[in-house]
Protein backbone atom coordinates (compact mmCIF):
# COMPACT_ATOMS: atom_id res chain seq x y z
CA UNK A 1 -1.83 -13.38 -4.21
CA UNK A 2 -2.83 -9.76 -3.73
CA UNK A 3 -2.53 -8.31 -0.21
CA UNK A 4 -3.92 -4.76 -0.16
CA UNK A 5 -3.61 -2.49 2.86
CA UNK A 6 -6.15 0.34 2.87
CA UNK A 7 -4.72 3.17 4.95
CA UNK A 8 -6.32 6.60 4.48
CA UNK A 9 -8.26 8.98 2.30
CA UNK A 10 -6.30 11.70 0.53
CA UNK A 11 -4.47 13.72 3.22
CA UNK A 12 -1.27 15.74 2.78
CA UNK A 13 0.70 14.46 5.78
CA UNK A 14 -0.39 10.84 5.46
CA UNK A 15 0.22 10.90 1.71
CA UNK A 16 3.90 11.74 2.11
CA UNK A 17 4.29 9.24 4.95
CA UNK A 18 2.82 6.50 2.76
CA UNK A 19 4.97 7.48 -0.22
CA UNK A 20 8.12 7.54 1.89
CA UNK A 21 7.28 4.17 3.45
CA UNK A 22 6.84 2.70 -0.04
CA UNK A 23 10.24 4.09 -1.09
CA UNK A 24 11.94 2.66 1.99
CA UNK A 25 10.24 -0.76 1.87
CA UNK A 26 10.12 -1.47 -1.88
CA UNK A 27 13.66 -2.74 -2.36
CA UNK A 28 13.80 -4.77 0.91
CA UNK A 29 10.47 -6.41 -0.03
CA UNK A 30 11.75 -7.39 -3.48
CA UNK A 31 15.06 -8.60 -2.06
CA UNK A 32 13.48 -10.77 0.64
CA UNK A 33 10.45 -12.15 -1.21
CA UNK A 34 11.94 -12.46 -4.70
CA UNK A 35 15.71 -12.85 -4.31
CA UNK A 36 16.13 -14.57 -0.93
CA UNK A 37 12.96 -16.67 -0.59
CA UNK A 38 12.47 -17.00 -4.38
CA UNK A 39 8.70 -17.14 -3.98
CA UNK A 40 7.99 -16.29 -7.60
CA UNK A 41 8.97 -14.29 -10.66
CA UNK A 42 6.54 -11.53 -9.68
CA UNK A 43 7.06 -10.27 -6.13
CA UNK A 44 6.52 -6.58 -5.57
CA UNK A 45 5.29 -3.88 -3.22
CA UNK A 46 3.53 -0.84 -4.67
CA UNK A 47 1.25 2.02 -3.70
CA UNK A 48 -2.47 2.06 -4.50
CA UNK A 49 -4.76 5.02 -5.05
CA UNK A 50 -8.40 4.03 -5.47
CA UNK A 51 -10.39 7.22 -6.09
CA UNK A 52 -8.41 9.06 -3.44
CA UNK A 53 -8.29 6.18 -0.93
CA UNK A 54 -4.64 5.25 -0.56
CA UNK A 55 -2.69 2.25 0.60
CA UNK A 56 -0.06 -0.38 -0.16
CA UNK A 57 -0.28 -3.64 -2.08
CA UNK A 58 1.88 -6.76 -2.18
CA UNK A 59 1.60 -8.85 -5.35
CA UNK A 60 3.21 -12.30 -5.55
CA UNK A 61 2.71 -14.83 -8.35
CA UNK A 62 4.17 -18.18 -7.43
CA UNK A 63 4.26 -21.84 -8.40
CA UNK A 64 6.43 -22.63 -5.37
CA UNK A 65 4.03 -21.75 -2.56
CA UNK A 66 0.25 -21.62 -2.30
CA UNK A 67 -1.43 -18.22 -1.72
CA UNK A 68 -2.06 -18.82 1.98
CA UNK A 69 1.63 -19.50 2.48
CA UNK A 70 2.51 -16.37 0.48
CA UNK A 71 0.24 -14.36 2.75
CA UNK A 72 2.17 -15.68 5.75
CA UNK A 73 5.48 -14.74 4.10
CA UNK A 74 4.28 -11.16 3.65
CA UNK A 75 3.47 -10.99 7.36
CA UNK A 76 6.93 -12.42 8.15
CA UNK A 77 8.53 -9.76 5.95
CA UNK A 78 6.63 -7.02 7.79
CA UNK A 79 7.97 -8.30 11.11
CA UNK A 80 11.48 -8.26 9.68
CA UNK A 81 11.04 -4.81 8.15
CA UNK A 82 9.73 -3.41 11.45
CA UNK A 83 13.17 -3.98 12.97
CA UNK A 84 14.88 -2.44 9.92
CA UNK A 85 12.71 0.67 10.10
CA UNK A 86 13.13 1.19 13.84
CA UNK A 87 16.92 0.84 13.54
CA UNK A 88 17.29 3.02 10.43
CA UNK A 89 20.10 5.59 10.86
CA UNK A 90 19.11 9.25 10.58
CA UNK A 91 21.39 9.68 7.55
CA UNK A 92 19.62 6.87 5.68
CA UNK A 93 16.22 8.32 6.55
CA UNK A 94 17.26 11.72 5.22
CA UNK A 95 18.67 10.13 2.07
CA UNK A 96 15.31 8.46 1.35
CA UNK A 97 13.46 11.73 1.97
CA UNK A 98 15.75 13.56 -0.45
CA UNK A 99 15.34 10.84 -3.08
CA UNK A 100 11.54 11.22 -2.91
CA UNK A 101 11.81 15.01 -3.11
CA UNK A 102 14.04 14.69 -6.19
CA UNK A 103 11.43 12.45 -7.86
CA UNK A 104 8.74 15.04 -7.20
CA UNK A 105 10.91 17.82 -8.68
CA UNK A 106 11.34 15.99 -11.98
CA UNK A 107 9.68 17.77 -14.88
CA UNK A 108 6.90 16.09 -16.82
CA UNK A 109 8.33 14.10 -19.72
CA UNK A 110 5.55 15.11 -22.12
CA UNK A 111 2.16 16.83 -22.33
CA UNK A 112 0.35 13.50 -21.90
CA UNK A 113 1.99 12.90 -18.52
CA UNK A 114 1.24 16.45 -17.39
CA UNK A 115 -2.39 16.34 -18.49
CA UNK A 116 -2.84 12.94 -16.78
CA UNK A 117 -1.87 14.54 -13.46
CA UNK A 118 -4.35 17.42 -13.80
CA UNK A 119 -7.19 15.24 -15.08
CA UNK A 120 -6.54 12.81 -12.22
CA UNK A 121 -7.12 15.61 -9.73
CA UNK A 122 -10.30 16.64 -11.57
CA UNK A 123 -11.76 13.15 -11.98
CA UNK A 124 -11.17 12.26 -8.30
CA UNK A 125 -12.50 15.62 -7.11
CA UNK A 126 -9.37 16.36 -5.04
CA UNK A 127 -8.39 19.43 -7.12
CA UNK A 128 -4.95 19.75 -5.50
CA UNK A 129 -3.13 21.16 -8.51
CA UNK A 130 -0.22 22.26 -6.31
CA UNK A 131 0.14 18.75 -4.88
CA UNK A 132 3.84 18.34 -5.74
CA UNK A 133 4.86 21.63 -4.14
CA UNK A 134 2.88 21.07 -0.93
CA UNK A 135 4.13 17.49 -0.60
CA UNK A 136 7.75 18.60 -1.01
CA UNK A 137 7.26 21.16 1.75
CA UNK A 138 5.72 18.48 4.00
CA UNK A 139 8.59 16.07 3.30
CA UNK A 140 11.16 18.69 4.25
CA UNK A 141 9.57 18.90 7.72
CA UNK A 142 9.10 15.14 8.20
CA UNK A 143 10.72 13.33 11.12
CA UNK A 144 11.79 9.68 11.29
CA UNK A 145 9.66 9.17 14.40
CA UNK A 146 6.56 10.13 12.40
CA UNK A 147 7.29 7.47 9.78
CA UNK A 148 7.78 4.83 12.47
CA UNK A 149 4.52 5.84 14.16
CA UNK A 150 2.70 5.67 10.80
CA UNK A 151 4.03 2.14 10.17
CA UNK A 152 3.23 1.00 13.71
CA UNK A 153 -0.35 2.28 13.51
CA UNK A 154 -1.31 1.12 10.01
CA UNK A 155 1.03 -1.49 8.54
CA UNK A 156 2.95 -3.65 10.99
CA UNK A 157 1.65 -7.05 12.09
CA UNK A 158 -1.06 -6.42 14.69
CA UNK A 159 -1.24 -2.67 13.98
CA UNK A 160 -4.32 -1.18 15.72
CA UNK A 161 -5.63 0.59 12.60
CA UNK A 162 -4.60 -2.04 10.05
CA UNK A 163 -7.09 -2.92 7.29
CA UNK A 164 -5.92 -5.59 4.85
CA UNK A 165 -7.68 -7.51 2.09
CA UNK A 166 -5.99 -10.70 0.88
CA UNK A 167 -7.14 -12.02 -2.50
CA UNK A 168 -5.86 -15.56 -3.00
CA UNK A 169 -6.06 -17.26 -6.38
CA UNK A 170 -5.30 -21.00 -6.36
CA UNK A 171 -4.03 -22.72 -9.51
CA UNK A 172 -4.06 -26.39 -10.35
CA UNK A 173 -0.69 -26.95 -8.68
CA UNK A 174 -2.18 -26.04 -5.30
CA UNK A 175 -5.65 -27.59 -5.56
CA UNK A 176 -5.05 -29.81 -2.51
CA UNK A 177 -4.08 -26.78 -0.39
CA UNK A 178 -7.25 -25.04 -1.58
CA UNK A 179 -9.45 -27.97 -0.56
CA UNK A 180 -7.86 -27.90 2.87
CA UNK A 181 -8.10 -24.18 3.48
CA UNK A 182 -11.77 -23.84 2.59
CA UNK A 183 -12.61 -26.36 5.33
CA UNK A 184 -10.32 -24.83 7.96
CA UNK A 185 -11.37 -21.97 10.19
CA UNK A 186 -9.99 -18.58 9.08
CA UNK A 187 -6.99 -17.18 11.00
CA UNK A 188 -7.69 -15.16 14.18
CA UNK A 189 -8.87 -11.56 13.68
CA UNK A 190 -9.78 -12.25 10.03
CA UNK A 191 -12.96 -12.79 8.06
CA UNK A 192 -13.39 -15.09 5.08
CA UNK A 193 -15.55 -13.45 2.42
CA UNK A 194 -18.04 -15.86 0.85
CA UNK A 195 -20.59 -13.29 -0.34
CA UNK A 196 -18.91 -10.23 -1.88
CA UNK A 197 -22.08 -8.14 -2.10
CA UNK A 198 -23.15 -8.75 1.50
CA UNK A 199 -19.62 -7.98 2.69
CA UNK A 200 -19.55 -4.69 0.78
CA UNK A 201 -22.91 -3.65 2.21
CA UNK A 202 -21.67 -4.37 5.73
CA UNK A 203 -18.66 -2.06 5.51
CA UNK A 204 -18.60 1.72 6.17
CA UNK A 205 -17.77 3.90 3.17
CA UNK A 206 -15.41 6.83 2.68
CA UNK A 207 -17.10 10.03 1.61
CA UNK A 208 -16.59 11.31 -1.93
CA UNK A 209 -14.46 14.35 -2.76
CA UNK A 210 -17.05 15.17 -5.39
CA UNK A 211 -20.29 17.03 -4.77
CA UNK A 212 -23.65 16.22 -6.34
CA UNK A 213 -24.21 14.84 -9.80
CA UNK A 214 -21.89 16.61 -12.22
CA UNK A 215 -20.53 18.90 -9.52
CA UNK A 216 -17.43 18.95 -7.35
CA UNK A 217 -16.72 20.52 -4.01
CA UNK A 218 -14.57 23.63 -4.40
């Protein structure tokens, strides 16, 4: 099961909020979904960056529960994590901010890693070669209330600006659950995609950071 939350197009403030949220939520997600509930060997939360459009993604591979059930467990985790985030002490918030800043201050391990960063900026058309420095400066000014607001607007269950795509792959062990779910109505406030191409044509698109053919906006 892949549950991908699309949040924003490349933006300095929202980038650091997303990165910090991923740092804060990664270990609790693994602990709850992998260690406590033992849903599967693979149970992780990671960031996504699709051509400058950023978000979060839960990935769970399980023989214990069917994908629809896994999707429900992710939502249950988000409800649990909402309480954790709102009650986070200021000292813990600051510790997470400092940990992220330390990661950004790490030197490139080799020329391949360094060139990958610069070519990534070029290929996506973002051209923010001072990204690390500007993000560190933004993190140093970040407040806990801003992180909570970001989570409440984009990620929590029922968030007003939440956009989530759940890709559910059913194996032979859960064929009966699959037969049932395809005949049931989809959950409230959701849409079951039966025609990928029609669905894509129906959705608004983000603009490109690049200019015309072979050119980029400078």
